[in-house]
All heavy atoms as atom14 arrays in JSON, in Angstrom:
{
  "sequence": "LVADTSSRLELAGAWCYQHGRLPLPAATARALSLQGRSIGDYIVNKLV",
  "atom14_mask": [
    [1, 1, 1, 1, 1, 1, 1, 1, 0, 0, 0, 0, 0, 0],
    [1, 1, 1, 1, 1, 1, 1, 0, 0, 0, 0, 0, 0, 0],
    [1, 1, 1, 1, 1, 0, 0, 0, 0, 0, 0, 0, 0, 0],
    [1, 1, 1, 1, 1, 1, 1, 1, 0, 0, 0, 0, 0, 0],
    [1, 1, 1, 1, 1, 1, 1, 0, 0, 0, 0, 0, 0, 0],
    [1, 1, 1, 1, 1, 1, 0, 0, 0, 0, 0, 0, 0, 0],
    [1, 1, 1, 1, 1, 1, 0, 0, 0, 0, 0, 0, 0, 0],
    [1, 1, 1, 1, 1, 1, 1, 1, 1, 1, 1, 0, 0, 0],
    [1, 1, 1, 1, 1, 1, 1, 1, 0, 0, 0, 0, 0, 0],
    [1, 1, 1, 1, 1, 1, 1, 1, 1, 0, 0, 0, 0, 0],
    [1, 1, 1, 1, 1, 1, 1, 1, 0, 0, 0, 0, 0, 0],
    [1, 1, 1, 1, 1, 0, 0, 0, 0, 0, 0, 0, 0, 0],
    [1, 1, 1, 1, 0, 0, 0, 0, 0, 0, 0, 0, 0, 0],
    [1, 1, 1, 1, 1, 0, 0, 0, 0, 0, 0, 0, 0, 0],
    [1, 1, 1, 1, 1, 1, 1, 1, 1, 1, 1, 1, 1, 1],
    [1, 1, 1, 1, 1, 1, 0, 0, 0, 0, 0, 0, 0, 0],
    [1, 1, 1, 1, 1, 1, 1, 1, 1, 1, 1, 1, 0, 0],
    [1, 1, 1, 1, 1, 1, 1, 1, 1, 0, 0, 0, 0, 0],
    [1, 1, 1, 1, 1, 1, 1, 1, 1, 1, 0, 0, 0, 0],
    [1, 1, 1, 1, 0, 0, 0, 0, 0, 0, 0, 0, 0, 0],
    [1, 1, 1, 1, 1, 1, 1, 1, 1, 1, 1, 0, 0, 0],
    [1, 1, 1, 1, 1, 1, 1, 1, 0, 0, 0, 0, 0, 0],
    [1, 1, 1, 1, 1, 1, 1, 0, 0, 0, 0, 0, 0, 0],
    [1, 1, 1, 1, 1, 1, 1, 1, 0, 0, 0, 0, 0, 0],
    [1, 1, 1, 1, 1, 1, 1, 0, 0, 0, 0, 0, 0, 0],
    [1, 1, 1, 1, 1, 0, 0, 0, 0, 0, 0, 0, 0, 0],
    [1, 1, 1, 1, 1, 0, 0, 0, 0, 0, 0, 0, 0, 0],
    [1, 1, 1, 1, 1, 1, 1, 0, 0, 0, 0, 0, 0, 0],
    [1, 1, 1, 1, 1, 0, 0, 0, 0, 0, 0, 0, 0, 0],
    [1, 1, 1, 1, 1, 1, 1, 1, 1, 1, 1, 0, 0, 0],
    [1, 1, 1, 1, 1, 0, 0, 0, 0, 0, 0, 0, 0, 0],
    [1, 1, 1, 1, 1, 1, 1, 1, 0, 0, 0, 0, 0, 0],
    [1, 1, 1, 1, 1, 1, 0, 0, 0, 0, 0, 0, 0, 0],
    [1, 1, 1, 1, 1, 1, 1, 1, 0, 0, 0, 0, 0, 0],
    [1, 1, 1, 1, 1, 1, 1, 1, 1, 0, 0, 0, 0, 0],
    [1, 1, 1, 1, 0, 0, 0, 0, 0, 0, 0, 0, 0, 0],
    [1, 1, 1, 1, 1, 1, 1, 1, 1, 1, 1, 0, 0, 0],
    [1, 1, 1, 1, 1, 1, 0, 0, 0, 0, 0, 0, 0, 0],
    [1, 1, 1, 1, 1, 1, 1, 1, 0, 0, 0, 0, 0, 0],
    [1, 1, 1, 1, 0, 0, 0, 0, 0, 0, 0, 0, 0, 0],
    [1, 1, 1, 1, 1, 1, 1, 1, 0, 0, 0, 0, 0, 0],
    [1, 1, 1, 1, 1, 1, 1, 1, 1, 1, 1, 1, 0, 0],
    [1, 1, 1, 1, 1, 1, 1, 1, 0, 0, 0, 0, 0, 0],
    [1, 1, 1, 1, 1, 1, 1, 0, 0, 0, 0, 0, 0, 0],
    [1, 1, 1, 1, 1, 1, 1, 1, 0, 0, 0, 0, 0, 0],
    [1, 1, 1, 1, 1, 1, 1, 1, 1, 0, 0, 0, 0, 0],
    [1, 1, 1, 1, 1, 1, 1, 1, 0, 0, 0, 0, 0, 0],
    [1, 1, 1, 1, 1, 1, 1, 0, 0, 0, 0, 0, 0, 0]
  ],
  "atom14_positions": [
    [[80.67, -86.39, -70.87], [81.75, -85.58, -71.18], [81.42, -84.53, -72.25], [81.62, -83.3, -72.11], [82.95, -86.31, -71.57], [84.29, -85.55, -71.65], [84.6, -84.84, -70.37], [85.47, -86.37, -72.19], [0.0, 0.0, 0.0], [0.0, 0.0, 0.0], [0.0, 0.0, 0.0], [0.0, 0.0, 0.0], [0.0, 0.0, 0.0], [0.0, 0.0, 0.0]],
    [[80.78, -84.96, -73.33], [80.38, -84.14, -74.47], [79.0, -84.51, -74.87], [78.77, -85.77, -75.19], [81.4, -84.07, -75.53], [80.86, -83.27, -76.76], [82.8, -83.65, -75.14], [0.0, 0.0, 0.0], [0.0, 0.0, 0.0], [0.0, 0.0, 0.0], [0.0, 0.0, 0.0], [0.0, 0.0, 0.0], [0.0, 0.0, 0.0], [0.0, 0.0, 0.0]],
    [[78.04, -83.55, -74.99], [76.74, -83.87, -75.46], [76.69, -83.63, -77.0], [75.94, -84.37, -77.72], [75.69, -83.11, -74.7], [0.0, 0.0, 0.0], [0.0, 0.0, 0.0], [0.0, 0.0, 0.0], [0.0, 0.0, 0.0], [0.0, 0.0, 0.0], [0.0, 0.0, 0.0], [0.0, 0.0, 0.0], [0.0, 0.0, 0.0], [0.0, 0.0, 0.0]],
    [[77.14, -82.56, -77.48], [77.13, -82.21, -78.88], [78.52, -82.26, -79.43], [79.34, -81.33, -79.21], [76.54, -80.73, -79.0], [76.42, -80.44, -80.52], [76.55, -81.23, -81.38], [75.95, -79.24, -80.72], [0.0, 0.0, 0.0], [0.0, 0.0, 0.0], [0.0, 0.0, 0.0], [0.0, 0.0, 0.0], [0.0, 0.0, 0.0], [0.0, 0.0, 0.0]],
    [[78.84, -83.29, -80.18], [80.22, -83.42, -80.74], [80.58, -82.38, -81.89], [81.75, -82.3, -82.24], [80.38, -84.88, -81.27], [79.45, -85.17, -82.23], [80.33, -85.9, -80.15], [0.0, 0.0, 0.0], [0.0, 0.0, 0.0], [0.0, 0.0, 0.0], [0.0, 0.0, 0.0], [0.0, 0.0, 0.0], [0.0, 0.0, 0.0], [0.0, 0.0, 0.0]],
    [[79.54, -81.8, -82.4], [79.72, -80.82, -83.36], [80.08, -79.33, -82.85], [80.4, -78.52, -83.66], [78.57, -80.65, -84.3], [77.43, -80.16, -83.6], [0.0, 0.0, 0.0], [0.0, 0.0, 0.0], [0.0, 0.0, 0.0], [0.0, 0.0, 0.0], [0.0, 0.0, 0.0], [0.0, 0.0, 0.0], [0.0, 0.0, 0.0], [0.0, 0.0, 0.0]],
    [[80.01, -79.25, -81.56], [80.28, -77.93, -80.84], [81.76, -77.9, -80.5], [82.21, -78.6, -79.7], [79.35, -77.82, -79.64], [79.68, -76.58, -78.96], [0.0, 0.0, 0.0], [0.0, 0.0, 0.0], [0.0, 0.0, 0.0], [0.0, 0.0, 0.0], [0.0, 0.0, 0.0], [0.0, 0.0, 0.0], [0.0, 0.0, 0.0], [0.0, 0.0, 0.0]],
    [[82.41, -76.98, -81.16], [83.89, -76.79, -80.84], [84.12, -76.23, -79.46], [85.1, -76.69, -78.83], [84.47, -75.86, -81.95], [84.53, -76.57, -83.37], [85.3, -75.58, -84.32], [85.3, -76.2, -85.68], [85.86, -75.64, -86.68], [86.53, -74.47, -86.61], [85.84, -76.2, -87.88], [0.0, 0.0, 0.0], [0.0, 0.0, 0.0], [0.0, 0.0, 0.0]],
    [[83.27, -75.37, -79.05], [83.37, -74.84, -77.7], [83.29, -75.98, -76.61], [84.03, -76.03, -75.69], [82.38, -73.75, -77.49], [82.66, -72.4, -78.14], [81.54, -71.45, -77.89], [83.99, -71.81, -77.69], [0.0, 0.0, 0.0], [0.0, 0.0, 0.0], [0.0, 0.0, 0.0], [0.0, 0.0, 0.0], [0.0, 0.0, 0.0], [0.0, 0.0, 0.0]],
    [[82.18, -76.78, -76.87], [82.07, -77.88, -75.84], [83.16, -78.9, -75.92], [83.6, -79.43, -74.82], [80.74, -78.6, -76.17], [80.27, -79.52, -75.1], [78.79, -79.97, -75.35], [78.2, -79.4, -76.22], [78.4, -80.95, -74.63], [0.0, 0.0, 0.0], [0.0, 0.0, 0.0], [0.0, 0.0, 0.0], [0.0, 0.0, 0.0], [0.0, 0.0, 0.0]],
    [[83.79, -79.14, -77.12], [84.88, -80.07, -77.19], [86.1, -79.33, -76.47], [86.86, -80.13, -75.86], [85.21, -80.33, -78.65], [84.21, -81.14, -79.43], [84.55, -81.3, -80.93], [84.1, -82.57, -78.83], [0.0, 0.0, 0.0], [0.0, 0.0, 0.0], [0.0, 0.0, 0.0], [0.0, 0.0, 0.0], [0.0, 0.0, 0.0], [0.0, 0.0, 0.0]],
    [[86.32, -78.02, -76.66], [87.36, -77.46, -76.06], [87.21, -77.43, -74.48], [88.2, -77.64, -73.75], [87.43, -75.94, -76.43], [0.0, 0.0, 0.0], [0.0, 0.0, 0.0], [0.0, 0.0, 0.0], [0.0, 0.0, 0.0], [0.0, 0.0, 0.0], [0.0, 0.0, 0.0], [0.0, 0.0, 0.0], [0.0, 0.0, 0.0], [0.0, 0.0, 0.0]],
    [[86.09, -77.32, -73.98], [85.77, -77.49, -72.56], [86.14, -78.88, -72.07], [86.68, -79.01, -71.05], [0.0, 0.0, 0.0], [0.0, 0.0, 0.0], [0.0, 0.0, 0.0], [0.0, 0.0, 0.0], [0.0, 0.0, 0.0], [0.0, 0.0, 0.0], [0.0, 0.0, 0.0], [0.0, 0.0, 0.0], [0.0, 0.0, 0.0], [0.0, 0.0, 0.0]],
    [[85.67, -79.85, -72.78], [86.02, -81.18, -72.35], [87.44, -81.38, -72.33], [88.03, -82.12, -71.45], [85.31, -82.23, -73.32], [0.0, 0.0, 0.0], [0.0, 0.0, 0.0], [0.0, 0.0, 0.0], [0.0, 0.0, 0.0], [0.0, 0.0, 0.0], [0.0, 0.0, 0.0], [0.0, 0.0, 0.0], [0.0, 0.0, 0.0], [0.0, 0.0, 0.0]],
    [[88.21, -80.88, -73.4], [89.68, -81.06, -73.47], [90.32, -80.46, -72.23], [91.24, -80.97, -71.71], [90.22, -80.46, -74.82], [91.69, -80.72, -74.88], [92.27, -81.74, -75.55], [92.69, -79.86, -74.47], [93.62, -81.62, -75.53], [93.97, -80.49, -74.85], [92.83, -78.6, -73.87], [95.23, -79.89, -74.71], [93.98, -78.1, -73.48], [95.19, -78.71, -73.93]],
    [[89.86, -79.19, -71.88], [90.47, -78.51, -70.71], [90.17, -79.26, -69.46], [91.03, -79.33, -68.59], [89.89, -77.12, -70.64], [90.42, -76.04, -71.97], [0.0, 0.0, 0.0], [0.0, 0.0, 0.0], [0.0, 0.0, 0.0], [0.0, 0.0, 0.0], [0.0, 0.0, 0.0], [0.0, 0.0, 0.0], [0.0, 0.0, 0.0], [0.0, 0.0, 0.0]],
    [[89.0, -79.91, -69.36], [88.68, -80.71, -68.17], [89.54, -81.9, -68.03], [89.98, -82.3, -66.96], [87.23, -81.14, -68.16], [86.8, -82.06, -67.13], [86.73, -81.76, -65.75], [86.6, -83.47, -67.43], [86.43, -82.68, -64.83], [86.21, -84.39, -66.53], [86.17, -84.02, -65.19], [85.88, -84.89, -64.2], [0.0, 0.0, 0.0], [0.0, 0.0, 0.0]],
    [[89.82, -82.59, -69.22], [90.47, -83.87, -69.17], [92.08, -83.57, -68.99], [92.78, -84.26, -68.16], [90.34, -84.59, -70.47], [89.03, -85.28, -70.6], [88.79, -86.07, -71.88], [89.14, -85.5, -72.95], [88.4, -87.3, -71.66], [0.0, 0.0, 0.0], [0.0, 0.0, 0.0], [0.0, 0.0, 0.0], [0.0, 0.0, 0.0], [0.0, 0.0, 0.0]],
    [[92.59, -82.49, -69.66], [94.01, -82.36, -69.63], [94.53, -81.26, -68.56], [95.64, -81.24, -68.29], [94.54, -82.06, -71.09], [94.33, -83.06, -72.08], [93.12, -83.18, -72.77], [95.09, -83.98, -72.49], [93.19, -84.1, -73.57], [94.39, -84.7, -73.48], [0.0, 0.0, 0.0], [0.0, 0.0, 0.0], [0.0, 0.0, 0.0], [0.0, 0.0, 0.0]],
    [[93.56, -80.39, -68.21], [93.89, -79.36, -67.25], [93.7, -79.86, -65.82], [93.94, -78.98, -64.9], [0.0, 0.0, 0.0], [0.0, 0.0, 0.0], [0.0, 0.0, 0.0], [0.0, 0.0, 0.0], [0.0, 0.0, 0.0], [0.0, 0.0, 0.0], [0.0, 0.0, 0.0], [0.0, 0.0, 0.0], [0.0, 0.0, 0.0], [0.0, 0.0, 0.0]],
    [[93.19, -81.09, -65.6], [92.94, -81.54, -64.22], [92.04, -80.63, -63.42], [92.34, -80.34, -62.3], [94.3, -81.8, -63.5], [95.21, -82.69, -64.28], [96.5, -83.0, -63.52], [97.32, -83.86, -64.35], [98.6, -84.31, -63.9], [99.05, -83.82, -62.74], [99.33, -85.01, -64.7], [0.0, 0.0, 0.0], [0.0, 0.0, 0.0], [0.0, 0.0, 0.0]],
    [[91.01, -80.09, -64.02], [90.09, -79.21, -63.4], [89.16, -79.99, -62.47], [88.7, -81.19, -62.85], [89.31, -78.5, -64.4], [90.02, -77.59, -65.41], [89.06, -76.91, -66.33], [90.82, -76.53, -64.64], [0.0, 0.0, 0.0], [0.0, 0.0, 0.0], [0.0, 0.0, 0.0], [0.0, 0.0, 0.0], [0.0, 0.0, 0.0], [0.0, 0.0, 0.0]],
    [[88.91, -79.52, -61.26], [88.09, -80.33, -60.32], [86.58, -80.25, -60.71], [86.17, -79.3, -61.34], [88.28, -79.5, -58.95], [88.59, -78.17, -59.35], [89.37, -78.23, -60.8], [0.0, 0.0, 0.0], [0.0, 0.0, 0.0], [0.0, 0.0, 0.0], [0.0, 0.0, 0.0], [0.0, 0.0, 0.0], [0.0, 0.0, 0.0], [0.0, 0.0, 0.0]],
    [[85.91, -81.38, -60.28], [84.5, -81.43, -60.56], [83.85, -82.09, -59.31], [83.84, -83.29, -59.18], [84.09, -82.25, -61.76], [82.68, -82.31, -62.2], [82.14, -80.89, -62.66], [82.44, -83.34, -63.32], [0.0, 0.0, 0.0], [0.0, 0.0, 0.0], [0.0, 0.0, 0.0], [0.0, 0.0, 0.0], [0.0, 0.0, 0.0], [0.0, 0.0, 0.0]],
    [[83.35, -81.3, -58.41], [82.7, -81.8, -57.09], [81.57, -82.73, -57.38], [80.99, -82.64, -58.48], [82.3, -80.55, -56.39], [83.06, -79.47, -56.93], [83.28, -79.76, -58.42], [0.0, 0.0, 0.0], [0.0, 0.0, 0.0], [0.0, 0.0, 0.0], [0.0, 0.0, 0.0], [0.0, 0.0, 0.0], [0.0, 0.0, 0.0], [0.0, 0.0, 0.0]],
    [[81.33, -83.6, -56.53], [80.27, -84.6, -56.68], [78.85, -83.86, -56.67], [78.13, -84.26, -57.57], [80.27, -85.61, -55.53], [0.0, 0.0, 0.0], [0.0, 0.0, 0.0], [0.0, 0.0, 0.0], [0.0, 0.0, 0.0], [0.0, 0.0, 0.0], [0.0, 0.0, 0.0], [0.0, 0.0, 0.0], [0.0, 0.0, 0.0], [0.0, 0.0, 0.0]],
    [[78.67, -82.85, -55.95], [77.43, -82.08, -56.09], [77.17, -81.45, -57.38], [76.08, -81.4, -57.88], [77.43, -81.02, -54.94], [0.0, 0.0, 0.0], [0.0, 0.0, 0.0], [0.0, 0.0, 0.0], [0.0, 0.0, 0.0], [0.0, 0.0, 0.0], [0.0, 0.0, 0.0], [0.0, 0.0, 0.0], [0.0, 0.0, 0.0], [0.0, 0.0, 0.0]],
    [[78.28, -80.95, -57.95], [78.16, -80.34, -59.26], [77.92, -81.4, -60.32], [77.07, -81.21, -61.24], [79.44, -79.59, -59.64], [79.81, -78.62, -58.68], [79.48, -78.92, -60.99], [0.0, 0.0, 0.0], [0.0, 0.0, 0.0], [0.0, 0.0, 0.0], [0.0, 0.0, 0.0], [0.0, 0.0, 0.0], [0.0, 0.0, 0.0], [0.0, 0.0, 0.0]],
    [[78.56, -82.51, -60.27], [78.32, -83.65, -61.2], [76.82, -84.14, -61.07], [76.16, -84.41, -62.14], [79.26, -84.82, -60.97], [0.0, 0.0, 0.0], [0.0, 0.0, 0.0], [0.0, 0.0, 0.0], [0.0, 0.0, 0.0], [0.0, 0.0, 0.0], [0.0, 0.0, 0.0], [0.0, 0.0, 0.0], [0.0, 0.0, 0.0], [0.0, 0.0, 0.0]],
    [[76.3, -84.19, -59.93], [74.98, -84.61, -59.74], [73.94, -83.55, -60.36], [73.03, -83.88, -61.02], [74.66, -84.74, -58.24], [73.18, -85.02, -57.9], [72.88, -85.13, -56.42], [71.51, -85.29, -56.15], [70.69, -84.33, -55.93], [71.04, -83.03, -55.99], [69.38, -84.54, -55.64], [0.0, 0.0, 0.0], [0.0, 0.0, 0.0], [0.0, 0.0, 0.0]],
    [[74.29, -82.27, -60.13], [73.44, -81.2, -60.67], [73.44, -81.24, -62.18], [72.45, -81.08, -62.87], [73.82, -79.8, -60.18], [0.0, 0.0, 0.0], [0.0, 0.0, 0.0], [0.0, 0.0, 0.0], [0.0, 0.0, 0.0], [0.0, 0.0, 0.0], [0.0, 0.0, 0.0], [0.0, 0.0, 0.0], [0.0, 0.0, 0.0], [0.0, 0.0, 0.0]],
    [[74.58, -81.47, -62.77], [74.66, -81.53, -64.28], [73.98, -82.75, -64.77], [73.3, -82.67, -65.82], [76.19, -81.54, -64.61], [77.09, -80.4, -64.39], [78.46, -80.64, -64.76], [76.55, -79.24, -65.18], [0.0, 0.0, 0.0], [0.0, 0.0, 0.0], [0.0, 0.0, 0.0], [0.0, 0.0, 0.0], [0.0, 0.0, 0.0], [0.0, 0.0, 0.0]],
    [[74.05, -83.88, -64.13], [73.22, -85.08, -64.5], [71.71, -84.84, -64.46], [71.0, -85.26, -65.39], [73.67, -86.26, -63.67], [74.98, -86.61, -63.73], [0.0, 0.0, 0.0], [0.0, 0.0, 0.0], [0.0, 0.0, 0.0], [0.0, 0.0, 0.0], [0.0, 0.0, 0.0], [0.0, 0.0, 0.0], [0.0, 0.0, 0.0], [0.0, 0.0, 0.0]],
    [[71.28, -84.11, -63.44], [69.81, -83.9, -63.32], [69.34, -82.95, -64.41], [68.18, -83.0, -64.79], [69.52, -83.45, -61.88], [69.59, -84.4, -60.67], [69.27, -83.84, -59.46], [68.7, -85.69, -61.05], [0.0, 0.0, 0.0], [0.0, 0.0, 0.0], [0.0, 0.0, 0.0], [0.0, 0.0, 0.0], [0.0, 0.0, 0.0], [0.0, 0.0, 0.0]],
    [[70.22, -82.07, -64.81], [69.79, -81.04, -65.82], [70.21, -81.53, -67.24], [69.79, -80.8, -68.19], [70.58, -79.71, -65.55], [70.1, -79.11, -64.28], [70.71, -77.73, -63.99], [71.17, -77.14, -64.88], [70.72, -77.32, -62.73], [0.0, 0.0, 0.0], [0.0, 0.0, 0.0], [0.0, 0.0, 0.0], [0.0, 0.0, 0.0], [0.0, 0.0, 0.0]],
    [[70.79, -82.64, -67.44], [71.17, -83.21, -68.76], [72.22, -82.4, -69.47], [72.3, -82.29, -70.63], [0.0, 0.0, 0.0], [0.0, 0.0, 0.0], [0.0, 0.0, 0.0], [0.0, 0.0, 0.0], [0.0, 0.0, 0.0], [0.0, 0.0, 0.0], [0.0, 0.0, 0.0], [0.0, 0.0, 0.0], [0.0, 0.0, 0.0], [0.0, 0.0, 0.0]],
    [[73.17, -81.79, -68.63], [74.15, -80.92, -69.19], [75.54, -81.77, -69.21], [75.65, -82.68, -68.36], [74.42, -79.57, -68.54], [73.22, -78.62, -68.56], [73.54, -77.37, -67.78], [74.8, -76.83, -68.26], [75.31, -75.75, -67.63], [74.71, -75.24, -66.53], [76.47, -75.2, -68.01], [0.0, 0.0, 0.0], [0.0, 0.0, 0.0], [0.0, 0.0, 0.0]],
    [[76.39, -81.48, -70.13], [77.65, -82.18, -70.26], [78.71, -81.38, -69.42], [78.62, -80.16, -69.13], [78.11, -82.38, -71.7], [78.38, -81.03, -72.24], [0.0, 0.0, 0.0], [0.0, 0.0, 0.0], [0.0, 0.0, 0.0], [0.0, 0.0, 0.0], [0.0, 0.0, 0.0], [0.0, 0.0, 0.0], [0.0, 0.0, 0.0], [0.0, 0.0, 0.0]],
    [[79.81, -82.1, -69.1], [80.93, -81.51, -68.41], [81.59, -80.46, -69.29], [82.01, -79.36, -68.87], [81.91, -82.59, -67.93], [81.29, -83.5, -67.05], [83.21, -81.94, -67.39], [82.21, -84.67, -66.55], [0.0, 0.0, 0.0], [0.0, 0.0, 0.0], [0.0, 0.0, 0.0], [0.0, 0.0, 0.0], [0.0, 0.0, 0.0], [0.0, 0.0, 0.0]],
    [[81.7, -80.71, -70.59], [82.24, -79.78, -71.54], [81.53, -78.46, -71.62], [82.18, -77.33, -71.58], [0.0, 0.0, 0.0], [0.0, 0.0, 0.0], [0.0, 0.0, 0.0], [0.0, 0.0, 0.0], [0.0, 0.0, 0.0], [0.0, 0.0, 0.0], [0.0, 0.0, 0.0], [0.0, 0.0, 0.0], [0.0, 0.0, 0.0], [0.0, 0.0, 0.0]],
    [[80.26, -78.5, -71.63], [79.44, -77.31, -71.63], [79.63, -76.47, -70.37], [79.8, -75.29, -70.34], [78.05, -77.64, -71.83], [77.13, -76.47, -71.77], [77.13, -75.56, -72.72], [76.27, -76.35, -70.87], [0.0, 0.0, 0.0], [0.0, 0.0, 0.0], [0.0, 0.0, 0.0], [0.0, 0.0, 0.0], [0.0, 0.0, 0.0], [0.0, 0.0, 0.0]],
    [[79.76, -77.22, -69.19], [79.87, -76.57, -67.92], [81.3, -75.87, -67.85], [81.39, -74.63, -67.39], [79.71, -77.57, -66.79], [80.19, -77.11, -65.44], [79.54, -76.26, -64.66], [81.36, -77.68, -64.92], [79.95, -75.82, -63.47], [81.87, -77.32, -63.72], [81.04, -76.37, -62.89], [81.55, -76.05, -61.67], [0.0, 0.0, 0.0], [0.0, 0.0, 0.0]],
    [[82.37, -76.6, -68.28], [83.69, -75.98, -68.13], [83.79, -74.92, -69.09], [84.48, -73.83, -68.79], [84.71, -77.09, -68.44], [84.69, -78.22, -67.28], [86.1, -76.53, -68.52], [84.97, -77.63, -65.91], [0.0, 0.0, 0.0], [0.0, 0.0, 0.0], [0.0, 0.0, 0.0], [0.0, 0.0, 0.0], [0.0, 0.0, 0.0], [0.0, 0.0, 0.0]],
    [[83.33, -74.96, -70.34], [83.52, -73.96, -71.27], [82.73, -72.62, -70.75], [83.26, -71.58, -71.07], [83.09, -74.31, -72.69], [81.57, -74.29, -72.91], [83.74, -73.47, -73.76], [0.0, 0.0, 0.0], [0.0, 0.0, 0.0], [0.0, 0.0, 0.0], [0.0, 0.0, 0.0], [0.0, 0.0, 0.0], [0.0, 0.0, 0.0], [0.0, 0.0, 0.0]],
    [[81.62, -72.85, -70.23], [80.94, -71.66, -69.62], [81.83, -70.94, -68.55], [81.87, -69.67, -68.54], [79.6, -72.04, -69.02], [78.49, -72.25, -70.05], [78.65, -71.72, -71.17], [77.52, -72.96, -69.74], [0.0, 0.0, 0.0], [0.0, 0.0, 0.0], [0.0, 0.0, 0.0], [0.0, 0.0, 0.0], [0.0, 0.0, 0.0], [0.0, 0.0, 0.0]],
    [[82.44, -71.72, -67.74], [83.29, -71.13, -66.73], [84.47, -70.37, -67.39], [84.88, -69.27, -66.96], [83.77, -72.22, -65.75], [82.74, -72.83, -64.95], [83.25, -74.01, -64.05], [84.18, -73.63, -62.96], [83.5, -72.97, -61.81], [0.0, 0.0, 0.0], [0.0, 0.0, 0.0], [0.0, 0.0, 0.0], [0.0, 0.0, 0.0], [0.0, 0.0, 0.0]],
    [[85.07, -71.09, -68.34], [86.21, -70.36, -68.91], [85.92, -69.16, -69.72], [86.57, -68.12, -69.53], [86.88, -71.37, -69.94], [87.53, -72.64, -69.32], [88.09, -73.58, -70.32], [88.7, -72.18, -68.39], [0.0, 0.0, 0.0], [0.0, 0.0, 0.0], [0.0, 0.0, 0.0], [0.0, 0.0, 0.0], [0.0, 0.0, 0.0], [0.0, 0.0, 0.0]],
    [[84.84, -69.16, -70.44], [84.41, -67.99, -71.15], [84.06, -66.8, -70.34], [84.43, -65.7, -70.49], [83.16, -68.31, -72.17], [82.53, -67.08, -72.78], [83.56, -69.22, -73.17], [0.0, 0.0, 0.0], [0.0, 0.0, 0.0], [0.0, 0.0, 0.0], [0.0, 0.0, 0.0], [0.0, 0.0, 0.0], [0.0, 0.0, 0.0], [0.0, 0.0, 0.0]]
  ]
}
């Protein structure tokens, strides 16, 4: 969910994913796992 707990943007993205009920397809989750990225980083990039 969060890779860098000191990043406020990543924490904000994780909060939006958890409380905003944003979808995360299985293919996207697999791609994030293979690249070592967190869900918070992915969501905050989309929002920004």
